[in-house]
Protein backbone atom coordinates (compact mmCIF):
# COMPACT_ATOMS: atom_id res chain seq x y z
CA MET A 1 -10.59 14.91 44.62
CA ALA A 2 -10.11 17.50 41.82
CA LEU A 3 -6.55 16.40 41.09
CA PRO A 4 -7.37 12.71 40.47
CA LEU A 5 -10.38 13.70 38.33
CA SER A 6 -8.25 16.01 36.14
CA LEU A 7 -5.57 13.33 35.90
CA LEU A 8 -8.22 10.83 34.84
CA THR A 9 -9.51 13.27 32.22
CA VAL A 10 -6.00 13.71 30.78
CA LEU A 11 -5.53 9.95 30.61
CA VAL A 12 -8.86 9.46 28.82
CA VAL A 13 -8.09 12.20 26.30
CA PHE A 14 -4.68 10.71 25.52
CA SER A 15 -6.00 7.17 25.21
CA CYS A 16 -8.77 8.23 22.83
CA GLY A 17 -6.61 10.44 20.65
CA PRO A 18 -4.87 9.44 17.43
CA SER A 19 -2.06 7.67 19.21
CA GLY A 20 -4.53 5.64 21.25
CA ALA A 21 -6.31 4.37 18.17
CA LEU A 22 -3.44 3.63 15.84
CA GLY A 23 -0.52 3.52 18.20
CA CYS A 24 1.44 5.89 16.01
CA ASP A 25 0.76 8.87 13.84
CA LEU A 26 1.30 8.77 10.11
CA PRO A 27 2.53 12.03 8.67
CA GLN A 28 -0.11 14.26 7.12
CA ASN A 29 1.53 13.85 3.73
CA HIS A 30 1.15 10.04 3.65
CA ILE A 31 -1.97 10.19 1.45
CA LEU A 32 -0.41 12.98 -0.61
CA LEU A 33 2.62 10.75 -1.29
CA SER A 34 0.29 8.04 -2.61
CA ARG A 35 -1.40 10.54 -4.91
CA ASP A 36 2.01 11.73 -6.13
CA ASN A 37 3.04 8.13 -6.74
CA LEU A 38 -0.15 7.54 -8.70
CA MET A 39 0.64 10.58 -10.86
CA LEU A 40 4.17 9.29 -11.45
CA LEU A 41 2.73 5.98 -12.59
CA ARG A 42 0.50 7.81 -15.07
CA GLN A 43 3.56 9.64 -16.42
CA MET A 44 5.45 6.38 -16.78
CA GLN A 45 3.19 5.13 -19.57
CA ARG A 46 5.41 4.45 -22.59
CA ILE A 47 3.04 2.63 -24.90
CA SER A 48 -0.68 2.75 -25.47
CA THR A 49 -2.71 0.53 -23.20
CA LEU A 50 -4.93 -0.14 -26.21
CA SER A 51 -2.04 -1.69 -28.11
CA CYS A 52 -1.68 -4.22 -25.29
CA LEU A 53 -5.27 -5.46 -25.14
CA LYS A 54 -4.17 -8.94 -26.24
CA ASP A 55 -1.94 -9.10 -23.15
CA LYS A 56 -4.59 -7.89 -20.74
CA LYS A 57 -5.42 -10.27 -17.92
CA ASP A 58 -7.82 -10.17 -15.01
CA PHE A 59 -5.62 -10.58 -11.96
CA ARG A 60 -8.64 -10.28 -9.67
CA PHE A 61 -7.39 -7.52 -7.44
CA PRO A 62 -8.93 -8.22 -4.00
CA GLN A 63 -10.52 -4.77 -3.81
CA ALA A 64 -13.63 -5.85 -1.90
CA MET A 65 -11.47 -7.60 0.66
CA VAL A 66 -8.91 -4.79 0.95
CA ASN A 67 -11.36 -1.89 1.13
CA SER A 68 -13.99 -3.66 3.22
CA SER A 69 -15.12 -1.84 6.32
CA GLN A 70 -14.78 -5.23 8.05
CA VAL A 71 -10.97 -5.03 7.82
CA GLN A 72 -9.67 -4.39 11.32
CA GLU A 73 -7.19 -1.62 11.93
CA ALA A 74 -4.26 -3.98 12.46
CA GLN A 75 -5.15 -5.79 9.23
CA ALA A 76 -5.44 -2.47 7.40
CA ILE A 77 -1.93 -1.50 8.47
CA SER A 78 -0.58 -4.90 7.46
CA VAL A 79 -2.37 -4.77 4.08
CA LEU A 80 -1.20 -1.22 3.41
CA HIS A 81 2.39 -2.07 4.27
CA GLY A 82 2.22 -5.28 2.24
CA MET A 83 0.88 -3.53 -0.85
CA LEU A 84 3.55 -0.85 -0.71
CA GLN A 85 6.27 -3.45 -0.14
CA HIS A 86 5.10 -5.64 -3.04
CA ILE A 87 4.95 -2.65 -5.38
CA SER A 88 8.43 -1.67 -4.29
CA ASP A 89 9.68 -5.21 -4.92
CA LEU A 90 8.20 -5.15 -8.42
CA LEU A 91 9.91 -1.87 -9.18
CA LEU A 92 13.27 -3.04 -7.88
CA THR A 93 13.66 -5.78 -10.47
CA GLU A 94 16.31 -5.18 -13.11
CA HIS A 95 13.61 -5.57 -15.75
CA ALA A 96 11.65 -2.59 -14.39
CA SER A 97 14.50 -0.19 -14.99
CA ALA A 98 14.67 -1.37 -18.60
CA ALA A 99 10.92 -0.85 -19.07
CA TRP A 100 10.48 2.67 -17.72
CA ASN A 101 12.09 6.07 -17.46
CA THR A 102 14.61 5.65 -14.66
CA THR A 103 14.15 9.18 -13.32
CA LEU A 104 10.40 8.63 -12.84
CA LEU A 105 11.02 5.13 -11.53
CA ASN A 106 13.51 6.45 -8.95
CA GLN A 107 11.07 9.17 -7.86
CA LEU A 108 8.36 6.56 -7.46
CA TYR A 109 10.66 4.27 -5.53
CA MET A 110 11.70 7.11 -3.19
CA GLY A 111 8.04 7.90 -2.49
CA LEU A 112 7.36 4.24 -1.74
CA TYR A 113 10.42 4.06 0.50
CA GLN A 114 9.23 7.09 2.48
CA GLN A 115 5.77 5.58 2.92
CA LEU A 116 7.20 2.26 4.07
CA GLU A 117 9.45 4.06 6.56
CA ASP A 118 6.46 6.01 7.88
CA LEU A 119 4.42 2.81 8.31
CA GLU A 120 7.16 0.78 10.01
CA PRO A 121 6.41 1.94 13.60
CA CYS A 122 2.69 1.25 13.12
CA LEU A 123 3.35 -2.20 11.71
CA LEU A 124 5.81 -3.09 14.48
CA GLN A 125 3.37 -2.02 17.16
CA GLU A 126 0.47 -3.93 15.62
CA MET A 127 2.61 -7.04 15.17
CA GLY A 128 3.75 -6.71 18.77
CA GLU A 129 0.13 -6.75 19.91
CA GLY A 130 -0.50 -10.26 18.61
CA GLY A 131 -0.89 -9.29 14.99
CA THR A 132 1.80 -11.57 13.57
CA ALA A 133 -0.89 -14.01 12.43
CA LEU A 134 -2.46 -11.23 10.35
CA ALA A 135 0.33 -11.49 7.80
CA SER A 136 -0.80 -14.94 6.75
CA GLN A 137 -4.57 -14.59 6.62
CA GLY A 138 -7.48 -12.74 5.04
CA PRO A 139 -6.77 -9.56 3.15
CA THR A 140 -3.00 -9.71 3.67
CA LEU A 141 -2.83 -13.18 2.14
CA ALA A 142 -5.08 -12.11 -0.76
CA VAL A 143 -2.77 -9.16 -1.49
CA ARG A 144 0.30 -11.39 -1.41
CA LYS A 145 -1.29 -13.86 -3.85
CA TYR A 146 -2.33 -10.99 -6.14
CA PHE A 147 1.22 -9.64 -6.36
CA GLN A 148 2.62 -13.15 -6.86
CA CYS A 149 0.35 -13.38 -9.91
CA LEU A 150 1.81 -10.10 -11.22
CA PHE A 151 5.37 -11.39 -10.80
CA LEU A 152 4.51 -14.67 -12.53
CA TYR A 153 2.72 -12.84 -15.35
CA LEU A 154 5.77 -10.67 -16.04
CA LYS A 155 7.99 -13.72 -16.09
CA GLU A 156 5.61 -15.61 -18.43
CA LYS A 157 5.52 -12.65 -20.78
CA GLN A 158 9.31 -12.34 -20.57
CA TYR A 159 9.05 -8.81 -19.20
CA SER A 160 7.71 -7.46 -22.49
CA ASP A 161 6.72 -3.81 -22.86
CA CYS A 162 3.04 -4.78 -22.97
CA ALA A 163 3.40 -6.93 -19.86
CA TRP A 164 4.90 -3.96 -18.00
CA GLU A 165 2.09 -1.73 -19.27
CA VAL A 166 -0.52 -4.17 -17.96
CA VAL A 167 1.30 -4.32 -14.62
CA ARG A 168 1.59 -0.51 -14.49
CA VAL A 169 -2.20 -0.27 -14.80
CA GLU A 170 -2.57 -2.91 -12.07
CA ILE A 171 -0.24 -0.96 -9.77
CA MET A 172 -2.33 2.14 -10.40
CA ARG A 173 -5.41 0.15 -9.34
CA SER A 174 -3.51 -0.85 -6.21
CA PHE A 175 -2.68 2.77 -5.43
CA SER A 176 -6.33 3.72 -5.67
CA SER A 177 -7.04 1.14 -2.98
CA ILE A 178 -4.02 2.27 -0.97
CA ILE A 179 -5.42 5.81 -0.90
CA THR A 180 -8.85 4.53 0.18
CA LEU A 181 -7.22 2.46 2.93
CA GLN A 182 -5.10 5.41 4.11
CA GLU A 183 -8.18 7.63 4.26
CA ARG A 184 -9.96 4.99 6.33
CA LEU A 185 -7.01 4.71 8.69
CA SER A 186 -6.83 8.48 9.12
CA ASN A 187 -10.56 8.51 9.95
CA MET A 188 -10.01 5.81 12.60
CA ASP A 189 -7.78 8.22 14.48
């Protein structure tokens, strides 16, 4: 009787641990990478934000929806991955390299790439567990629409320096939410 009880105890411990909750473990430095990326974005400022007040626009970042405690774990992973992917897509445009210091931009892109790679197993597992519908609803959809507005804004403003400055500030706002979301995910473990 002792052997089955100890086996049961081991199974319960493993199913309640970090891998039982999230399905995969993000590296300890995942939040640190986001903070480093946020610092890189601060360093990338080329012109005064004040000189671009006429270009400022309220894009209505879906912060309440993204950082809500109601967001399920699978949604949180999908939102986090989506935000990082959209930021990466913004930074990969040819216009981005003309707007910012390419060394800082490359460092930022490498940090984003590492974070996306780290999240991939989590996303695949969550999508495999019936989460494919999550990509087209709720917070994930709100994030996609938000980033579409940023892309359209840049195009409307013909990728001007002020437009990129406004978008840089918006990406910084996104990273603040990314960090909050990562902290929540690490506490779910």
